Amino acid sequence: MEKAVTKEDLRQFGLLLLDKMENLLKLSTDVKTKESNPGWIKTKSVRILLGISAGSVQNLRIGGKVRFKKVMGSYYYNREDLEKLFDDER
């Protein structure tokens, strides 16, 4: 006895498939962020993370308040230093 596949069956299958794919992507993203939580972050990420201007980031660097590295023209800042700096100010 064969049962015909209806449009509703296909819709439900599609929703189930999408849900499983979203869960896999979320799990993959969570694993990547835990494994690759960088100790050094780029200037743009610092600006977004802290909501400060490029000049403010530069002042932190010049003032010696955070450790930094320059790699091929890009500045990278130590995440721990940034967190400590802004935790102390609260």
PDB file of N, CA and C in Angstrom:
ATOM      1  N   MET A   1       0.831  -1.166   0.000  1.00  0.00           N
ATOM      2  CA  MET A   1       0.000   0.000   0.000  1.00  0.00           C
ATOM      3  C   MET A   1       0.888   1.247   0.000  1.00  0.00           C
ATOM      4  N   GLU A   2       0.817   2.036  -1.047  1.00  0.00           N
ATOM      5  CA  GLU A   2       1.624   3.239  -1.156  1.00  0.00           C
ATOM      6  C   GLU A   2       0.793   4.456  -0.797  1.00  0.00           C
ATOM      7  N   LYS A   3       1.463   5.369  -0.092  1.00  0.00           N
ATOM      8  CA  LYS A   3       0.788   6.605   0.302  1.00  0.00           C
ATOM      9  C   LYS A   3       1.410   7.744  -0.493  1.00  0.00           C
ATOM     10  N   ALA A   4       0.587   8.578  -1.076  1.00  0.00           N
ATOM     11  CA  ALA A   4       1.078   9.698  -1.875  1.00  0.00           C
ATOM     12  C   ALA A   4       1.634  10.790  -0.965  1.00  0.00           C
ATOM     13  N   VAL A   5       2.671  11.425  -1.436  1.00  0.00           N
ATOM     14  CA  VAL A   5       3.272  12.541  -0.694  1.00  0.00           C
ATOM     15  C   VAL A   5       2.509  13.804  -1.065  1.00  0.00           C
ATOM     16  N   THR A   6       2.052  14.497  -0.060  1.00  0.00           N
ATOM     17  CA  THR A   6       1.266  15.713  -0.301  1.00  0.00           C
ATOM     18  C   THR A   6       2.155  16.950  -0.183  1.00  0.00           C
ATOM     19  N   LYS A   7       1.612  18.083  -0.612  1.00  0.00           N
ATOM     20  CA  LYS A   7       2.331  19.346  -0.479  1.00  0.00           C
ATOM     21  C   LYS A   7       2.605  19.656   0.993  1.00  0.00           C
ATOM     22  N   GLU A   8       1.669  19.330   1.847  1.00  0.00           N
ATOM     23  CA  GLU A   8       1.835  19.566   3.290  1.00  0.00           C
ATOM     24  C   GLU A   8       2.978  18.718   3.835  1.00  0.00           C
ATOM     25  N   ASP A   9       3.101  17.477   3.378  1.00  0.00           N
ATOM     26  CA  ASP A   9       4.220  16.623   3.797  1.00  0.00           C
ATOM     27  C   ASP A   9       5.560  17.257   3.396  1.00  0.00           C
ATOM     28  N   LEU A  10       5.623  17.755   2.179  1.00  0.00           N
ATOM     29  CA  LEU A  10       6.850  18.395   1.701  1.00  0.00           C
ATOM     30  C   LEU A  10       7.154  19.669   2.479  1.00  0.00           C
ATOM     31  N   ARG A  11       6.134  20.447   2.785  1.00  0.00           N
ATOM     32  CA  ARG A  11       6.324  21.671   3.559  1.00  0.00           C
ATOM     33  C   ARG A  11       6.866  21.350   4.940  1.00  0.00           C
ATOM     34  N   GLN A  12       6.281  20.353   5.597  1.00  0.00           N
ATOM     35  CA  GLN A  12       6.745  19.953   6.930  1.00  0.00           C
ATOM     36  C   GLN A  12       8.174  19.414   6.877  1.00  0.00           C
ATOM     37  N   PHE A  13       8.481  18.644   5.846  1.00  0.00           N
ATOM     38  CA  PHE A  13       9.837  18.124   5.689  1.00  0.00           C
ATOM     39  C   PHE A  13      10.829  19.273   5.497  1.00  0.00           C
ATOM     40  N   GLY A  14      10.448  20.240   4.689  1.00  0.00           N
ATOM     41  CA  GLY A  14      11.308  21.408   4.455  1.00  0.00           C
ATOM     42  C   GLY A  14      11.560  22.183   5.733  1.00  0.00           C
ATOM     43  N   LEU A  15      10.520  22.391   6.535  1.00  0.00           N
ATOM     44  CA  LEU A  15      10.674  23.106   7.810  1.00  0.00           C
ATOM     45  C   LEU A  15      11.579  22.331   8.766  1.00  0.00           C
ATOM     46  N   LEU A  16      11.403  21.023   8.812  1.00  0.00           N
ATOM     47  CA  LEU A  16      12.225  20.182   9.673  1.00  0.00           C
ATOM     48  C   LEU A  16      13.688  20.233   9.225  1.00  0.00           C
ATOM     49  N   LEU A  17      13.890  20.162   7.916  1.00  0.00           N
ATOM     50  CA  LEU A  17      15.239  20.214   7.367  1.00  0.00           C
ATOM     51  C   LEU A  17      15.912  21.556   7.669  1.00  0.00           C
ATOM     52  N   LEU A  18      15.185  22.650   7.486  1.00  0.00           N
ATOM     53  CA  LEU A  18      15.719  23.978   7.792  1.00  0.00           C
ATOM     54  C   LEU A  18      16.079  24.106   9.270  1.00  0.00           C
ATOM     55  N   ASP A  19      15.222  23.595  10.127  1.00  0.00           N
ATOM     56  CA  ASP A  19      15.470  23.659  11.566  1.00  0.00           C
ATOM     57  C   ASP A  19      16.751  22.910  11.931  1.00  0.00           C
ATOM     58  N   LYS A  20      16.914  21.728  11.363  1.00  0.00           N
ATOM     59  CA  LYS A  20      18.118  20.937  11.647  1.00  0.00           C
ATOM     60  C   LYS A  20      19.364  21.627  11.113  1.00  0.00           C
ATOM     61  N   MET A  21      19.273  22.245   9.934  1.00  0.00           N
ATOM     62  CA  MET A  21      20.415  22.954   9.365  1.00  0.00           C
ATOM     63  C   MET A  21      20.788  24.167  10.221  1.00  0.00           C
ATOM     64  N   GLU A  22      19.779  24.903  10.699  1.00  0.00           N
ATOM     65  CA  GLU A  22      20.038  26.058  11.571  1.00  0.00           C
ATOM     66  C   GLU A  22      20.740  25.615  12.854  1.00  0.00           C
ATOM     67  N   ASN A  23      20.298  24.511  13.420  1.00  0.00           N
ATOM     68  CA  ASN A  23      20.917  24.004  14.646  1.00  0.00           C
ATOM     69  C   ASN A  23      22.372  23.609  14.404  1.00  0.00           C
ATOM     70  N   LEU A  24      22.644  22.960  13.265  1.00  0.00           N
ATOM     71  CA  LEU A  24      24.014  22.575  12.939  1.00  0.00           C
ATOM     72  C   LEU A  24      24.905  23.803  12.740  1.00  0.00           C
ATOM     73  N   LEU A  25      24.388  24.816  12.046  1.00  0.00           N
ATOM     74  CA  LEU A  25      25.163  26.032  11.836  1.00  0.00           C
ATOM     75  C   LEU A  25      25.443  26.748  13.155  1.00  0.00           C
ATOM     76  N   LYS A  26      24.447  26.799  14.022  1.00  0.00           N
ATOM     77  CA  LYS A  26      24.628  27.447  15.325  1.00  0.00           C
ATOM     78  C   LYS A  26      25.672  26.696  16.146  1.00  0.00           C
ATOM     79  N   LEU A  27      25.580  25.386  16.134  1.00  0.00           N
ATOM     80  CA  LEU A  27      26.536  24.563  16.869  1.00  0.00           C
ATOM     81  C   LEU A  27      27.940  24.762  16.316  1.00  0.00           C
ATOM     82  N   SER A  28      28.065  24.794  15.004  1.00  0.00           N
ATOM     83  CA  SER A  28      29.354  25.000  14.363  1.00  0.00           C
ATOM     84  C   SER A  28      29.924  26.368  14.714  1.00  0.00           C
ATOM     85  N   THR A  29      29.090  27.391  14.706  1.00  0.00           N
ATOM     86  CA  THR A  29      29.525  28.743  15.044  1.00  0.00           C
ATOM     87  C   THR A  29      29.952  28.825  16.496  1.00  0.00           C
ATOM     88  N   ASP A  30      29.203  28.200  17.402  1.00  0.00           N
ATOM     89  CA  ASP A  30      29.558  28.206  18.819  1.00  0.00           C
ATOM     90  C   ASP A  30      30.908  27.552  19.053  1.00  0.00           C
ATOM     91  N   VAL A  31      31.149  26.433  18.377  1.00  0.00           N
ATOM     92  CA  VAL A  31      32.420  25.726  18.529  1.00  0.00           C
ATOM     93  C   VAL A  31      33.563  26.594  18.009  1.00  0.00           C
ATOM     94  N   LYS A  32      33.366  27.228  16.864  1.00  0.00           N
ATOM     95  CA  LYS A  32      34.411  28.069  16.287  1.00  0.00           C
ATOM     96  C   LYS A  32      34.740  29.242  17.201  1.00  0.00           C
ATOM     97  N   THR A  33      33.729  29.889  17.773  1.00  0.00           N
ATOM     98  CA  THR A  33      34.010  31.042  18.620  1.00  0.00           C
ATOM     99  C   THR A  33      34.698  30.619  19.902  1.00  0.00           C
ATOM    100  N   LYS A  34      34.369  29.460  20.437  1.00  0.00           N
ATOM    101  CA  LYS A  34      35.033  28.991  21.646  1.00  0.00           C
ATOM    102  C   LYS A  34      36.484  28.623  21.361  1.00  0.00           C
ATOM    103  N   GLU A  35      36.714  27.982  20.212  1.00  0.00           N
ATOM    104  CA  GLU A  35      38.063  27.542  19.875  1.00  0.00           C
ATOM    105  C   GLU A  35      38.924  28.683  19.373  1.00  0.00           C
ATOM    106  N   SER A  36      38.314  29.623  18.680  1.00  0.00           N
ATOM    107  CA  SER A  36      39.112  30.666  18.048  1.00  0.00           C
ATOM    108  C   SER A  36      38.891  32.030  18.680  1.00  0.00           C
ATOM    109  N   ASN A  37      38.562  32.060  19.964  1.00  0.00           N
ATOM    110  CA  ASN A  37      38.441  33.338  20.638  1.00  0.00           C
ATOM    111  C   ASN A  37      39.838  33.941  20.690  1.00  0.00           C
ATOM    112  N   PRO A  38      40.110  34.844  19.768  1.00  0.00           N
ATOM    113  CA  PRO A  38      41.495  35.291  19.622  1.00  0.00           C
ATOM    114  C   PRO A  38      41.966  36.135  20.785  1.00  0.00           C
ATOM    115  N   GLY A  39      43.229  35.964  21.102  1.00  0.00           N
ATOM    116  CA  GLY A  39      43.831  36.800  22.126  1.00  0.00           C
ATOM    117  C   GLY A  39      44.183  38.160  21.560  1.00  0.00           C
ATOM    118  N   TRP A  40      44.247  38.260  20.235  1.00  0.00           N
ATOM    119  CA  TRP A  40      44.575  39.503  19.558  1.00  0.00           C
ATOM    120  C   TRP A  40      43.478  39.827  18.562  1.00  0.00           C
ATOM    121  N   ILE A  41      42.981  41.057  18.608  1.00  0.00           N
ATOM    122  CA  ILE A  41      41.886  41.441  17.712  1.00  0.00           C
ATOM    123  C   ILE A  41      42.254  42.707  16.939  1.00  0.00           C
ATOM    124  N   LYS A  42      41.714  42.817  15.740  1.00  0.00           N
ATOM    125  CA  LYS A  42      42.019  43.936  14.849  1.00  0.00           C
ATOM    126  C   LYS A  42      41.352  45.216  15.327  1.00  0.00           C
ATOM    127  N   THR A  43      41.870  46.327  14.835  1.00  0.00           N
ATOM    128  CA  THR A  43      41.377  47.652  15.212  1.00  0.00           C
ATOM    129  C   THR A  43      39.878  47.783  14.971  1.00  0.00           C
ATOM    130  N   LYS A  44      39.426  47.357  13.821  1.00  0.00           N
ATOM    131  CA  LYS A  44      38.002  47.501  13.493  1.00  0.00           C
ATOM    132  C   LYS A  44      37.133  46.733  14.488  1.00  0.00           C
ATOM    133  N   SER A  45      37.566  45.545  14.871  1.00  0.00           N
ATOM    134  CA  SER A  45      36.812  44.754  15.842  1.00  0.00           C
ATOM    135  C   SER A  45      36.803  45.427  17.209  1.00  0.00           C
ATOM    136  N   VAL A  46      37.933  46.046  17.572  1.00  0.00           N
ATOM    137  CA  VAL A  46      38.005  46.774  18.841  1.00  0.00           C
ATOM    138  C   VAL A  46      37.015  47.929  18.826  1.00  0.00           C
ATOM    139  N   ARG A  47      36.990  48.658  17.726  1.00  0.00           N
ATOM    140  CA  ARG A  47      36.073  49.794  17.602  1.00  0.00           C
ATOM    141  C   ARG A  47      34.620  49.351  17.748  1.00  0.00           C
ATOM    142  N   ILE A  48      34.270  48.266  17.084  1.00  0.00           N
ATOM    143  CA  ILE A  48      32.889  47.769  17.141  1.00  0.00           C
ATOM    144  C   ILE A  48      32.570  47.239  18.531  1.00  0.00           C
ATOM    145  N   LEU A  49      33.492  46.465  19.082  1.00  0.00           N
ATOM    146  CA  LEU A  49      33.292  45.846  20.388  1.00  0.00           C
ATOM    147  C   LEU A  49      33.098  46.886  21.489  1.00  0.00           C
ATOM    148  N   LEU A  50      33.914  47.933  21.454  1.00  0.00           N
ATOM    149  CA  LEU A  50      33.883  48.934  22.519  1.00  0.00           C
ATOM    150  C   LEU A  50      33.080  50.176  22.165  1.00  0.00           C
ATOM    151  N   GLY A  51      32.719  50.298  20.915  1.00  0.00           N
ATOM    152  CA  GLY A  51      31.943  51.465  20.487  1.00  0.00           C
ATOM    153  C   GLY A  51      32.758  52.750  20.578  1.00  0.00           C
ATOM    154  N   ILE A  52      34.023  52.690  20.166  1.00  0.00           N
ATOM    155  CA  ILE A  52      34.877  53.867  20.219  1.00  0.00           C
ATOM    156  C   ILE A  52      35.423  54.174  18.837  1.00  0.00           C
ATOM    157  N   SER A  53      35.959  55.377  18.676  1.00  0.00           N
ATOM    158  CA  SER A  53      36.468  55.803  17.375  1.00  0.00           C
ATOM    159  C   SER A  53      37.864  55.254  17.123  1.00  0.00           C
ATOM    160  N   ALA A  54      38.295  55.385  15.872  1.00  0.00           N
ATOM    161  CA  ALA A  54      39.644  54.948  15.498  1.00  0.00           C
ATOM    162  C   ALA A  54      40.691  55.758  16.260  1.00  0.00           C
ATOM    163  N   GLY A  55      40.415  57.042  16.471  1.00  0.00           N
ATOM    164  CA  GLY A  55      41.329  57.894  17.226  1.00  0.00           C
ATOM    165  C   GLY A  55      41.479  57.445  18.664  1.00  0.00           C
ATOM    166  N   SER A  56      40.380  57.006  19.269  1.00  0.00           N
ATOM    167  CA  SER A  56      40.441  56.518  20.649  1.00  0.00           C
ATOM    168  C   SER A  56      41.281  55.252  20.752  1.00  0.00           C
ATOM    169  N   VAL A  57      41.137  54.383  19.769  1.00  0.00           N
ATOM    170  CA  VAL A  57      41.946  53.160  19.752  1.00  0.00           C
ATOM    171  C   VAL A  57      43.419  53.534  19.597  1.00  0.00           C
ATOM    172  N   GLN A  58      43.690  54.485  18.731  1.00  0.00           N
ATOM    173  CA  GLN A  58      45.063  54.935  18.522  1.00  0.00           C
ATOM    174  C   GLN A  58      45.629  55.542  19.812  1.00  0.00           C
ATOM    175  N   ASN A  59      44.835  56.320  20.527  1.00  0.00           N
ATOM    176  CA  ASN A  59      45.287  56.910  21.787  1.00  0.00           C
ATOM    177  C   ASN A  59      45.615  55.838  22.823  1.00  0.00           C
ATOM    178  N   LEU A  60      44.826  54.771  22.870  1.00  0.00           N
ATOM    179  CA  LEU A  60      45.120  53.666  23.783  1.00  0.00           C
ATOM    180  C   LEU A  60      46.465  53.038  23.432  1.00  0.00           C
ATOM    181  N   ARG A  61      46.708  52.901  22.141  1.00  0.00           N
ATOM    182  CA  ARG A  61      47.955  52.302  21.682  1.00  0.00           C
ATOM    183  C   ARG A  61      49.145  53.209  21.996  1.00  0.00           C
ATOM    184  N   ILE A  62      49.035  54.482  21.643  1.00  0.00           N
ATOM    185  CA  ILE A  62      50.136  55.422  21.837  1.00  0.00           C
ATOM    186  C   ILE A  62      50.416  55.639  23.323  1.00  0.00           C
ATOM    187  N   GLY A  63      49.355  55.661  24.125  1.00  0.00           N
ATOM    188  CA  GLY A  63      49.505  55.864  25.562  1.00  0.00           C
ATOM    189  C   GLY A  63      50.041  54.648  26.300  1.00  0.00           C
ATOM    190  N   GLY A  64      50.206  53.542  25.594  1.00  0.00           N
ATOM    191  CA  GLY A  64      50.754  52.336  26.209  1.00  0.00           C
ATOM    192  C   GLY A  64      49.776  51.640  27.150  1.00  0.00           C
ATOM    193  N   LYS A  65      48.500  51.906  26.979  1.00  0.00           N
ATOM    194  CA  LYS A  65      47.491  51.305  27.863  1.00  0.00           C
ATOM    195  C   LYS A  65      47.155  49.869  27.479  1.00  0.00           C
ATOM    196  N   VAL A  66      47.402  49.525  26.216  1.00  0.00           N
ATOM    197  CA  VAL A  66      47.159  48.157  25.754  1.00  0.00           C
ATOM    198  C   VAL A  66      48.340  47.686  24.907  1.00  0.00           C
ATOM    199  N   ARG A  67      48.601  46.390  24.982  1.00  0.00           N
ATOM    200  CA  ARG A  67      49.635  45.811  24.135  1.00  0.00           C
ATOM    201  C   ARG A  67      49.087  45.694  22.716  1.00  0.00           C
ATOM    202  N   PHE A  68      49.976  45.840  21.760  1.00  0.00           N
ATOM    203  CA  PHE A  68      49.559  45.715  20.366  1.00  0.00           C
ATOM    204  C   PHE A  68      50.688  45.118  19.545  1.00  0.00           C
ATOM    205  N   LYS A  69      50.299  44.616  18.372  1.00  0.00           N
ATOM    206  CA  LYS A  69      51.250  44.104  17.393  1.00  0.00           C
ATOM    207  C   LYS A  69      50.868  44.706  16.051  1.00  0.00           C
ATOM    208  N   LYS A  70      51.862  44.993  15.253  1.00  0.00           N
ATOM    209  CA  LYS A  70      51.594  45.446  13.896  1.00  0.00           C
ATOM    210  C   LYS A  70      52.052  44.346  12.950  1.00  0.00           C
ATOM    211  N   VAL A  71      51.097  43.827  12.181  1.00  0.00           N
ATOM    212  CA  VAL A  71      51.388  42.753  11.240  1.00  0.00           C
ATOM    213  C   VAL A  71      50.947  43.212   9.855  1.00  0.00           C
ATOM    214  N   MET A  72      51.928  43.389   8.994  1.00  0.00           N
ATOM    215  CA  MET A  72      51.665  43.784   7.603  1.00  0.00           C
ATOM    216  C   MET A  72      50.722  44.978   7.507  1.00  0.00           C
ATOM    217  N   GLY A  73      50.946  45.982   8.315  1.00  0.00           N
ATOM    218  CA  GLY A  73      50.165  47.213   8.234  1.00  0.00           C
ATOM    219  C   GLY A  73      48.894  47.223   9.059  1.00  0.00           C
ATOM    220  N   SER A  74      48.508  46.112   9.672  1.00  0.00           N
ATOM    221  CA  SER A  74      47.313  46.059  10.507  1.00  0.00           C
ATOM    222  C   SER A  74      47.723  45.950  11.970  1.00  0.00           C
ATOM    223  N   TYR A  75      47.005  46.688  12.801  1.00  0.00           N
ATOM    224  CA  TYR A  75      47.272  46.627  14.236  1.00  0.00           C
ATOM    225  C   TYR A  75      46.355  45.604  14.885  1.00  0.00           C
ATOM    226  N   TYR A  76      46.925  44.832  15.803  1.00  0.00           N
ATOM    227  CA  TYR A  76      46.177  43.857  16.588  1.00  0.00           C
ATOM    228  C   TYR A  76      46.371  44.207  18.056  1.00  0.00           C
ATOM    229  N   TYR A  77      45.280  44.167  18.812  1.00  0.00           N
ATOM    230  CA  TYR A  77      45.309  44.556  20.222  1.00  0.00           C
ATOM    231  C   TYR A  77      45.025  43.356  21.099  1.00  0.00           C
ATOM    232  N   ASN A  78      45.654  43.345  22.269  1.00  0.00           N
ATOM    233  CA  ASN A  78      45.482  42.252  23.214  1.00  0.00           C
ATOM    234  C   ASN A  78      44.112  42.343  23.876  1.00  0.00           C
ATOM    235  N   ARG A  79      43.315  41.293  23.731  1.00  0.00           N
ATOM    236  CA  ARG A  79      41.952  41.278  24.252  1.00  0.00           C
ATOM    237  C   ARG A  79      41.932  41.410  25.772  1.00  0.00           C
ATOM    238  N   GLU A  80      42.828  40.725  26.458  1.00  0.00           N
ATOM    239  CA  GLU A  80      42.849  40.769  27.926  1.00  0.00           C
ATOM    240  C   GLU A  80      43.116  42.186  28.425  1.00  0.00           C
ATOM    241  N   ASP A  81      44.037  42.894  27.777  1.00  0.00           N
ATOM    242  CA  ASP A  81      44.340  44.265  28.170  1.00  0.00           C
ATOM    243  C   ASP A  81      43.119  45.166  28.011  1.00  0.00           C
ATOM    244  N   LEU A  82      42.409  44.997  26.898  1.00  0.00           N
ATOM    245  CA  LEU A  82      41.214  45.815  26.663  1.00  0.00           C
ATOM    246  C   LEU A  82      40.146  45.535  27.707  1.00  0.00           C
ATOM    247  N   GLU A  83      39.917  44.250  27.990  1.00  0.00           N
ATOM    248  CA  GLU A  83      38.910  43.891  28.983  1.00  0.00           C
ATOM    249  C   GLU A  83      39.282  44.442  30.359  1.00  0.00           C
ATOM    250  N   LYS A  84      40.543  44.314  30.742  1.00  0.00           N
ATOM    251  CA  LYS A  84      40.999  44.799  32.039  1.00  0.00           C
ATOM    252  C   LYS A  84      40.870  46.319  32.121  1.00  0.00           C
ATOM    253  N   LEU A  85      41.260  47.000  31.059  1.00  0.00           N
ATOM    254  CA  LEU A  85      41.209  48.450  31.023  1.00  0.00           C
ATOM    255  C   LEU A  85      39.793  48.955  31.259  1.00  0.00           C
ATOM    256  N   PHE A  86      38.834  48.360  30.577  1.00  0.00           N
ATOM    257  CA  PHE A  86      37.466  48.842  30.694  1.00  0.00           C
ATOM    258  C   PHE A  86      36.743  48.272  31.906  1.00  0.00           C
ATOM    259  N   ASP A  87      37.206  47.165  32.457  1.00  0.00           N
ATOM    260  CA  ASP A  87      36.653  46.668  33.725  1.00  0.00           C
ATOM    261  C   ASP A  87      37.075  47.566  34.869  1.00  0.00           C
ATOM    262  N   ASP A  88      38.310  48.070  34.827  1.00  0.00           N
ATOM    263  CA  ASP A  88      38.819  48.948  35.876  1.00  0.00           C
ATOM    264  C   ASP A  88      38.067  50.273  35.935  1.00  0.00           C
ATOM    265  N   GLU A  89      37.581  50.740  34.788  1.00  0.00           N
ATOM    266  CA  GLU A  89      36.895  52.011  34.732  1.00  0.00           C
ATOM    267  C   GLU A  89      35.455  51.949  35.239  1.00  0.00           C
ATOM    268  N   ARG A  90      34.903  50.772  35.388  1.00  0.00           N
ATOM    269  CA  ARG A  90      33.496  50.639  35.828  1.00  0.00           C
ATOM    270  C   ARG A  90      33.353  50.778  37.291  1.00  0.00           C
TER     271      ARG A  90
END
